[in-house]
Amino acid sequence: MRDRSILGMLLQDSKDGEIAAALHVTEGAIRLAIHRLVRRLQVQSREDLTRLLLASGIDALEQRLLDHDGGGNSPHHSPPRFEKAPEFDAFWMLGESPETPEEAIRKP
């Protein structure tokens, strides 16, 4: 879990650049991930996050994140919604309107 890696490196007082290099991502991605951790754990700042981490430990915070996210579903990544695809429009693609879908398939 990337959150756990970030929390572990925050515990070691790593800078954004060091965390980014270790995880092979950009510093911007790390800043955004830390911002989201701060928001999800309902603390005010990175420093508060580090204090909470020192007081609670990684395992407790990871469980708190899972509980907050409803078992691992991040509020920032809602499950995909599947909608029925629109009917095939032969007129749009072929320039004519066939009588049946089978005729649309047989036309060159």
C-alpha atoms as a PDB file:
ATOM      1  CA  MET A   1       0.000   0.000   0.000  1.00  0.00           C
ATOM      2  CA  ARG A   2       1.478   3.329  -1.033  1.00  0.00           C
ATOM      3  CA  ASP A   3      -0.039   5.122   1.971  1.00  0.00           C
ATOM      4  CA  ARG A   4       1.864   2.823   4.312  1.00  0.00           C
ATOM      5  CA  SER A   5       5.145   3.513   2.488  1.00  0.00           C
ATOM      6  CA  ILE A   6       4.570   7.261   2.701  1.00  0.00           C
ATOM      7  CA  LEU A   7       3.659   7.068   6.388  1.00  0.00           C
ATOM      8  CA  GLY A   8       6.788   5.024   7.088  1.00  0.00           C
ATOM      9  CA  MET A   9       8.998   7.559   5.359  1.00  0.00           C
ATOM     10  CA  LEU A  10       7.263  10.444   7.142  1.00  0.00           C
ATOM     11  CA  LEU A  11       8.092   8.673  10.374  1.00  0.00           C
ATOM     12  CA  GLN A  12      11.741   8.775   9.318  1.00  0.00           C
ATOM     13  CA  ASP A  13      11.386  12.540   8.639  1.00  0.00           C
ATOM     14  CA  SER A  14      11.997  12.067   4.906  1.00  0.00           C
ATOM     15  CA  LYS A  15      11.539  15.005   2.548  1.00  0.00           C
ATOM     16  CA  ASP A  16       9.087  14.920  -0.363  1.00  0.00           C
ATOM     17  CA  GLY A  17      11.919  14.433  -2.860  1.00  0.00           C
ATOM     18  CA  GLU A  18      13.319  11.470  -0.948  1.00  0.00           C
ATOM     19  CA  ILE A  19       9.892   9.820  -0.722  1.00  0.00           C
ATOM     20  CA  ALA A  20       9.266  10.468  -4.431  1.00  0.00           C
ATOM     21  CA  ALA A  21      12.593   8.940  -5.414  1.00  0.00           C
ATOM     22  CA  ALA A  22      12.012   5.867  -3.252  1.00  0.00           C
ATOM     23  CA  LEU A  23       8.524   5.304  -4.703  1.00  0.00           C
ATOM     24  CA  HIS A  24       9.462   6.281  -8.279  1.00  0.00           C
ATOM     25  CA  VAL A  25       6.862   9.061  -8.521  1.00  0.00           C
ATOM     26  CA  THR A  26       7.020  12.843  -8.755  1.00  0.00           C
ATOM     27  CA  GLU A  27       7.281  15.178  -5.784  1.00  0.00           C
ATOM     28  CA  GLY A  28       3.906  16.595  -6.786  1.00  0.00           C
ATOM     29  CA  ALA A  29       2.344  13.150  -6.473  1.00  0.00           C
ATOM     30  CA  ILE A  30       3.819  12.836  -2.979  1.00  0.00           C
ATOM     31  CA  ARG A  31       2.571  16.275  -1.931  1.00  0.00           C
ATOM     32  CA  LEU A  32      -0.904  15.361  -3.182  1.00  0.00           C
ATOM     33  CA  ALA A  33      -0.816  11.979  -1.421  1.00  0.00           C
ATOM     34  CA  ILE A  34       0.240  13.623   1.852  1.00  0.00           C
ATOM     35  CA  HIS A  35      -2.485  16.240   1.456  1.00  0.00           C
ATOM     36  CA  ARG A  36      -5.053  13.462   1.003  1.00  0.00           C
ATOM     37  CA  LEU A  37      -3.709  11.584   4.036  1.00  0.00           C
ATOM     38  CA  VAL A  38      -4.019  14.759   6.116  1.00  0.00           C
ATOM     39  CA  ARG A  39      -7.611  15.216   4.961  1.00  0.00           C
ATOM     40  CA  ARG A  40      -8.598  11.548   5.358  1.00  0.00           C
ATOM     41  CA  LEU A  41      -7.122  11.370   8.865  1.00  0.00           C
ATOM     42  CA  GLN A  42      -8.786  14.678   9.760  1.00  0.00           C
ATOM     43  CA  VAL A  43      -5.663  16.467  10.944  1.00  0.00           C
ATOM     44  CA  GLN A  44      -4.667  20.025  10.109  1.00  0.00           C
ATOM     45  CA  SER A  45      -1.166  19.682   8.696  1.00  0.00           C
ATOM     46  CA  ARG A  46       1.705  17.411   7.768  1.00  0.00           C
ATOM     47  CA  GLU A  47       3.234  18.128  11.179  1.00  0.00           C
ATOM     48  CA  ASP A  48       0.008  17.031  12.897  1.00  0.00           C
ATOM     49  CA  LEU A  49       0.038  13.907  10.741  1.00  0.00           C
ATOM     50  CA  THR A  50       3.598  13.152  11.853  1.00  0.00           C
ATOM     51  CA  ARG A  51       2.674  13.699  15.531  1.00  0.00           C
ATOM     52  CA  LEU A  52      -0.322  11.393  15.150  1.00  0.00           C
ATOM     53  CA  LEU A  53       1.889   8.837  13.437  1.00  0.00           C
ATOM     54  CA  LEU A  54       4.405   8.960  16.279  1.00  0.00           C
ATOM     55  CA  ALA A  55       1.648   8.643  18.888  1.00  0.00           C
ATOM     56  CA  SER A  56      -0.415   5.934  17.181  1.00  0.00           C
ATOM     57  CA  GLY A  57       1.930   3.978  14.938  1.00  0.00           C
ATOM     58  CA  ILE A  58       1.629   2.979  11.297  1.00  0.00           C
ATOM     59  CA  ASP A  59      -0.671  -0.009  11.879  1.00  0.00           C
ATOM     60  CA  ALA A  60      -3.236   2.049  13.815  1.00  0.00           C
ATOM     61  CA  LEU A  61      -3.275   4.800  11.184  1.00  0.00           C
ATOM     62  CA  GLU A  62      -3.532   2.315   8.355  1.00  0.00           C
ATOM     63  CA  GLN A  63      -6.541   0.718  10.064  1.00  0.00           C
ATOM     64  CA  ARG A  64      -8.040   4.173  10.604  1.00  0.00           C
ATOM     65  CA  LEU A  65      -7.628   4.897   6.883  1.00  0.00           C
ATOM     66  CA  LEU A  66      -9.324   1.618   5.984  1.00  0.00           C
ATOM     67  CA  ASP A  67     -12.175   2.332   8.391  1.00  0.00           C
ATOM     68  CA  HIS A  68     -12.548   5.863   7.028  1.00  0.00           C
ATOM     69  CA  ASP A  69     -12.608   4.645   3.434  1.00  0.00           C
ATOM     70  CA  GLY A  70     -15.201   1.959   4.066  1.00  0.00           C
ATOM     71  CA  GLY A  71     -12.899  -1.022   3.768  1.00  0.00           C
ATOM     72  CA  GLY A  72     -10.446   0.359   1.255  1.00  0.00           C
ATOM     73  CA  ASN A  73     -12.593   2.367  -1.149  1.00  0.00           C
ATOM     74  CA  SER A  74     -11.053   5.807  -1.257  1.00  0.00           C
ATOM     75  CA  PRO A  75     -13.571   8.653  -1.467  1.00  0.00           C
ATOM     76  CA  HIS A  76     -11.510  10.010  -4.351  1.00  0.00           C
ATOM     77  CA  HIS A  77     -11.950   6.900  -6.438  1.00  0.00           C
ATOM     78  CA  SER A  78     -15.612   6.047  -6.645  1.00  0.00           C
ATOM     79  CA  PRO A  79     -16.461   2.703  -8.179  1.00  0.00           C
ATOM     80  CA  PRO A  80     -17.030   2.839 -11.926  1.00  0.00           C
ATOM     81  CA  ARG A  81     -20.584   3.274 -13.094  1.00  0.00           C
ATOM     82  CA  PHE A  82     -21.646   1.121 -15.975  1.00  0.00           C
ATOM     83  CA  GLU A  83     -24.283   2.434 -18.290  1.00  0.00           C
ATOM     84  CA  LYS A  84     -25.931   0.714 -21.192  1.00  0.00           C
ATOM     85  CA  ALA A  85     -24.158   1.523 -24.430  1.00  0.00           C
ATOM     86  CA  PRO A  86     -26.224   3.443 -26.964  1.00  0.00           C
ATOM     87  CA  GLU A  87     -27.655   1.517 -29.870  1.00  0.00           C
ATOM     88  CA  PHE A  88     -25.433   1.242 -32.927  1.00  0.00           C
ATOM     89  CA  ASP A  89     -26.146   4.100 -35.308  1.00  0.00           C
ATOM     90  CA  ALA A  90     -25.542   2.718 -38.800  1.00  0.00           C
ATOM     91  CA  PHE A  91     -26.550   5.990 -40.411  1.00  0.00           C
ATOM     92  CA  TRP A  92     -23.776   7.851 -38.619  1.00  0.00           C
ATOM     93  CA  MET A  93     -21.157   5.308 -39.581  1.00  0.00           C
ATOM     94  CA  LEU A  94     -22.343   4.088 -42.971  1.00  0.00           C
ATOM     95  CA  GLY A  95     -24.303   7.089 -44.234  1.00  0.00           C
ATOM     96  CA  GLU A  96     -27.494   5.062 -44.625  1.00  0.00           C
ATOM     97  CA  SER A  97     -30.085   3.499 -42.420  1.00  0.00           C
ATOM     98  CA  PRO A  98     -30.330  -0.312 -42.814  1.00  0.00           C
ATOM     99  CA  GLU A  99     -33.539  -2.140 -42.114  1.00  0.00           C
ATOM    100  CA  THR A 100     -32.022  -4.499 -39.562  1.00  0.00           C
ATOM    101  CA  PRO A 101     -28.735  -4.692 -37.601  1.00  0.00           C
ATOM    102  CA  GLU A 102     -27.804  -7.790 -39.629  1.00  0.00           C
ATOM    103  CA  GLU A 103     -27.920  -5.769 -42.845  1.00  0.00           C
ATOM    104  CA  ALA A 104     -25.503  -3.260 -41.308  1.00  0.00           C
ATOM    105  CA  ILE A 105     -23.015  -6.037 -40.619  1.00  0.00           C
ATOM    106  CA  ARG A 106     -23.238  -7.478 -44.165  1.00  0.00           C
ATOM    107  CA  LYS A 107     -22.677  -4.145 -45.909  1.00  0.00           C
ATOM    108  CA  PRO A 108     -19.073  -3.543 -46.998  1.00  0.00           C
END
